[in-house]
Amino acid sequence: MSEALLLDGITRNFTQGARTLEVLKGADLAIQPGEIVALVAPSGGGKSTLLQIAGLLDAPSAGTVSIEGRAFSGLDDRARTSARRRLLGFVYQFHHLLPEFTAEENLAIPLMAAGRGKGAALTRAAELLERVGLAERASHLPAEMSGGEQQRVAICRALVNNPRVLLADEPTGNLDPETAGRVFDMLLEVVRETGLAALIATHNHALASRMDRTVRLEGGVIRAA
């Protein structure tokens, strides 16, 4: 079986005037379907850069990003955008919900953008909201929900197109500890039920310890923690 996500020899350099900054220096990582991996890194260590490359939002200076055995990093922007829509889900520290749309509509919009009809999109949205205990919030705007509820909607949005890989950058970092714990419980439960692979960046070592394994990005390379 092919790895759900494979990063092979990923380097990323940025030019600042006459200076070249090497952020990633040959990072390698393989994540199997159904595996949840914690990514920890010091501040400024390249964590966000790695996630952007894994998510096909940025191109590496060298190396290959493969999803389910297919290399994507060498494709043009249009092909990478199509791959992101079909294969990847993203959760960020802040929910980034569209404020003028309800919880249900925030989930239906990416489905409709992918070609799903409105009725089918709303049905799928309702199913996910019920799964995370937010069925009664379906018609609520983000401003009418708590921070934890908004982040649960954001997690549903990341899963709405049935991705093969979930990428999360401090998904509970904007929440108080108690709410963060509840949201993280829900995230792990849904990810394990769906069997997708997940790479979750976190500074919270207690949360990292609950994942299948932890890797550390340090000095531009990935090491076992």
Protein backbone atom coordinates (compact mmCIF):
# COMPACT_ATOMS: atom_id res chain seq x y z
CA MET A 1 0.00 0.00 0.00
CA SER A 2 1.34 3.44 -0.90
CA GLU A 3 1.93 5.98 1.82
CA ALA A 4 -0.93 8.43 2.19
CA LEU A 5 1.64 11.24 2.32
CA LEU A 6 5.30 11.00 1.38
CA LEU A 7 7.78 13.87 1.66
CA ASP A 8 11.04 12.90 0.03
CA GLY A 9 14.12 15.11 0.35
CA ILE A 10 12.17 18.34 0.76
CA THR A 11 14.29 21.50 0.72
CA ARG A 12 13.03 25.06 0.74
CA ASN A 13 15.21 28.10 0.29
CA PHE A 14 14.23 31.76 0.44
CA THR A 15 16.32 34.56 -1.05
CA GLN A 16 16.62 37.77 0.96
CA GLY A 17 18.75 40.21 -1.01
CA ALA A 18 22.15 38.60 -1.44
CA ARG A 19 21.43 36.04 1.27
CA THR A 20 19.84 32.59 0.85
CA LEU A 21 17.93 31.27 3.84
CA GLU A 22 17.67 27.48 4.03
CA VAL A 23 14.53 26.60 5.96
CA LEU A 24 14.18 22.94 5.01
CA LYS A 25 17.27 20.88 4.27
CA GLY A 26 16.11 17.51 3.01
CA ALA A 27 13.07 16.71 5.14
CA ASP A 28 11.73 13.16 4.79
CA LEU A 29 8.43 11.88 6.18
CA ALA A 30 6.10 9.01 5.35
CA ILE A 31 2.60 8.74 6.83
CA GLN A 32 0.46 5.66 6.32
CA PRO A 33 -3.31 5.65 5.79
CA GLY A 34 -5.01 5.80 9.17
CA GLU A 35 -1.91 7.11 10.95
CA ILE A 36 -1.96 10.29 13.05
CA VAL A 37 1.44 11.96 13.39
CA ALA A 38 2.31 14.89 15.66
CA LEU A 39 4.76 17.45 14.30
CA VAL A 40 6.64 19.54 16.86
CA ALA A 41 9.17 22.24 16.09
CA PRO A 42 10.78 25.22 17.78
CA SER A 43 9.40 28.64 16.91
CA GLY A 44 10.70 29.65 13.48
CA GLY A 45 11.81 26.10 12.77
CA GLY A 46 9.98 25.79 9.46
CA LYS A 47 6.82 24.03 10.63
CA SER A 48 4.44 26.24 8.66
CA THR A 49 6.65 26.02 5.57
CA LEU A 50 6.63 22.23 5.76
CA LEU A 51 2.84 22.13 6.11
CA GLN A 52 2.38 24.50 3.17
CA ILE A 53 4.55 22.28 0.99
CA ALA A 54 2.82 19.10 2.18
CA GLY A 55 -0.49 20.81 1.41
CA LEU A 56 0.60 21.77 -2.12
CA LEU A 57 0.29 25.45 -1.25
CA ASP A 58 3.99 26.06 -1.85
CA ALA A 59 6.51 24.29 -4.06
CA PRO A 60 9.74 22.90 -2.59
CA SER A 61 13.10 24.07 -3.90
CA ALA A 62 13.91 20.38 -4.32
CA GLY A 63 12.31 17.09 -3.37
CA THR A 64 8.98 15.42 -4.01
CA VAL A 65 5.54 15.48 -2.38
CA SER A 66 3.50 12.35 -3.12
CA ILE A 67 -0.06 11.53 -2.08
CA GLU A 68 -1.18 7.91 -2.34
CA GLY A 69 1.78 7.13 -4.57
CA ARG A 70 1.37 10.00 -7.02
CA ALA A 71 3.89 12.86 -7.13
CA PHE A 72 2.26 16.29 -7.10
CA SER A 73 4.97 18.82 -6.31
CA GLY A 74 6.05 19.24 -9.94
CA LEU A 75 2.58 20.06 -11.25
CA ASP A 76 1.31 23.51 -12.20
CA ASP A 77 -0.90 25.64 -9.95
CA ARG A 78 -4.16 24.48 -11.51
CA ALA A 79 -3.33 20.79 -11.04
CA ARG A 80 -2.18 21.36 -7.47
CA THR A 81 -5.39 23.27 -6.70
CA SER A 82 -7.45 20.36 -8.01
CA ALA A 83 -5.42 17.91 -5.91
CA ARG A 84 -5.88 20.03 -2.77
CA ARG A 85 -9.63 20.09 -3.29
CA ARG A 86 -9.87 16.32 -3.77
CA LEU A 87 -7.21 14.91 -1.48
CA LEU A 88 -6.38 17.33 1.31
CA GLY A 89 -8.13 18.89 4.27
CA PHE A 90 -6.77 21.80 6.31
CA VAL A 91 -7.38 22.96 9.88
CA TYR A 92 -5.71 26.11 11.22
CA GLN A 93 -5.32 27.65 14.66
CA PHE A 94 -8.07 30.16 13.86
CA HIS A 95 -11.24 28.77 12.30
CA HIS A 96 -11.40 31.12 9.23
CA LEU A 97 -15.14 30.50 8.81
CA LEU A 98 -17.02 32.79 6.45
CA PRO A 99 -18.82 35.13 8.88
CA GLU A 100 -21.87 35.86 6.72
CA PHE A 101 -22.74 32.17 6.21
CA THR A 102 -24.20 29.63 8.62
CA ALA A 103 -22.32 26.60 9.90
CA GLU A 104 -24.13 24.41 7.38
CA GLU A 105 -23.37 26.79 4.52
CA ASN A 106 -19.68 26.98 5.49
CA LEU A 107 -19.51 23.23 4.92
CA ALA A 108 -21.66 23.17 1.80
CA ILE A 109 -19.69 25.84 -0.08
CA PRO A 110 -16.50 23.77 -0.63
CA LEU A 111 -18.64 20.82 -1.72
CA MET A 112 -20.46 22.96 -4.27
CA ALA A 113 -17.13 24.38 -5.46
CA ALA A 114 -16.07 20.78 -6.11
CA GLY A 115 -19.16 20.20 -8.24
CA ARG A 116 -21.66 18.77 -5.73
CA GLY A 117 -25.27 19.92 -6.09
CA LYS A 118 -26.69 22.20 -3.40
CA GLY A 119 -29.07 19.60 -1.98
CA ALA A 120 -26.40 16.91 -1.71
CA ALA A 121 -23.94 19.42 -0.25
CA LEU A 122 -26.38 20.50 2.47
CA THR A 123 -27.16 16.86 3.29
CA ARG A 124 -23.45 16.06 3.69
CA ALA A 125 -22.98 19.19 5.81
CA ALA A 126 -25.83 18.20 8.10
CA GLU A 127 -24.40 14.69 8.51
CA LEU A 128 -21.02 16.02 9.62
CA LEU A 129 -22.47 18.59 12.00
CA GLU A 130 -24.58 15.90 13.63
CA ARG A 131 -21.51 13.68 13.93
CA VAL A 132 -19.70 16.29 16.02
CA GLY A 133 -22.73 17.24 18.11
CA LEU A 134 -23.57 20.49 16.33
CA ALA A 135 -26.79 19.61 14.53
CA GLU A 136 -28.64 22.29 16.50
CA ARG A 137 -26.09 24.88 15.38
CA ALA A 138 -26.48 24.23 11.64
CA SER A 139 -28.34 27.48 10.99
CA HIS A 140 -26.17 29.62 13.29
CA LEU A 141 -23.62 32.15 12.07
CA PRO A 142 -20.05 31.84 13.40
CA ALA A 143 -20.57 34.88 15.67
CA GLU A 144 -23.42 33.01 17.34
CA MET A 145 -21.20 30.07 18.31
CA SER A 146 -18.51 29.59 20.94
CA GLY A 147 -14.84 29.29 20.00
CA GLY A 148 -14.90 25.54 20.46
CA GLU A 149 -18.01 25.19 18.32
CA GLN A 150 -16.49 27.31 15.57
CA GLN A 151 -13.38 25.15 15.54
CA ARG A 152 -15.47 21.98 15.37
CA VAL A 153 -17.20 23.45 12.31
CA ALA A 154 -13.76 24.22 10.84
CA ILE A 155 -12.72 20.59 11.38
CA CYS A 156 -15.89 19.40 9.66
CA ARG A 157 -15.12 21.73 6.76
CA ALA A 158 -11.68 20.13 6.42
CA LEU A 159 -13.31 16.69 6.22
CA VAL A 160 -16.32 17.54 4.07
CA ASN A 161 -14.76 16.46 0.74
CA ASN A 162 -13.52 13.12 2.16
CA PRO A 163 -9.80 13.95 1.91
CA ARG A 164 -7.11 11.33 2.14
CA VAL A 165 -4.77 13.51 4.23
CA LEU A 166 -5.59 16.01 6.97
CA LEU A 167 -3.06 18.76 7.74
CA ALA A 168 -3.58 20.76 10.93
CA ASP A 169 -1.53 23.68 12.25
CA GLU A 170 -2.09 24.16 16.01
CA PRO A 171 -5.78 23.26 15.63
CA THR A 172 -6.55 23.93 19.31
CA GLY A 173 -3.99 26.67 19.93
CA ASN A 174 -6.61 29.43 20.01
CA LEU A 175 -8.75 27.72 22.67
CA ASP A 176 -8.62 27.53 26.46
CA PRO A 177 -7.17 24.24 27.81
CA GLU A 178 -10.51 22.64 28.70
CA THR A 179 -12.13 23.48 25.36
CA ALA A 180 -8.95 22.48 23.52
CA GLY A 181 -9.08 19.05 25.13
CA ARG A 182 -12.69 18.48 24.09
CA VAL A 183 -12.10 19.67 20.53
CA PHE A 184 -8.98 17.53 20.23
CA ASP A 185 -10.90 14.47 21.49
CA MET A 186 -13.42 15.04 18.74
CA LEU A 187 -10.72 15.56 16.12
CA LEU A 188 -8.96 12.29 17.00
CA GLU A 189 -12.24 10.39 17.05
CA VAL A 190 -13.36 11.60 13.63
CA VAL A 191 -9.92 11.09 12.05
CA ARG A 192 -9.69 7.54 13.39
CA GLU A 193 -13.23 6.72 12.23
CA THR A 194 -12.57 7.94 8.70
CA GLY A 195 -9.17 6.23 8.42
CA LEU A 196 -7.41 9.13 6.76
CA ALA A 197 -3.82 10.10 7.48
CA ALA A 198 -3.18 13.18 9.59
CA LEU A 199 -0.19 15.42 10.24
CA ILE A 200 -0.94 17.69 13.20
CA ALA A 201 1.47 20.41 14.25
CA THR A 202 1.28 21.29 17.93
CA HIS A 203 3.34 22.79 20.73
CA ASN A 204 1.24 20.86 23.25
CA HIS A 205 3.26 17.79 24.20
CA ALA A 206 0.34 16.29 26.12
CA LEU A 207 -1.74 16.33 22.94
CA ALA A 208 1.19 15.05 20.87
CA SER A 209 1.57 12.06 23.18
CA ARG A 210 -1.95 10.90 22.27
CA MET A 211 -1.13 10.52 18.58
CA ASP A 212 0.40 7.45 16.98
CA ARG A 213 3.89 8.94 16.89
CA THR A 214 5.70 12.25 17.11
CA VAL A 215 8.33 13.69 14.78
CA ARG A 216 10.41 16.79 15.36
CA LEU A 217 11.44 19.31 12.73
CA GLU A 218 14.81 20.69 13.75
CA GLY A 219 17.64 22.15 11.71
CA GLY A 220 15.60 21.77 8.55
CA VAL A 221 15.24 17.99 8.82
CA ILE A 222 12.70 15.67 10.44
CA ARG A 223 13.77 13.41 13.28
CA ALA A 224 11.94 10.92 15.45
CA ALA A 225 10.99 12.59 18.72
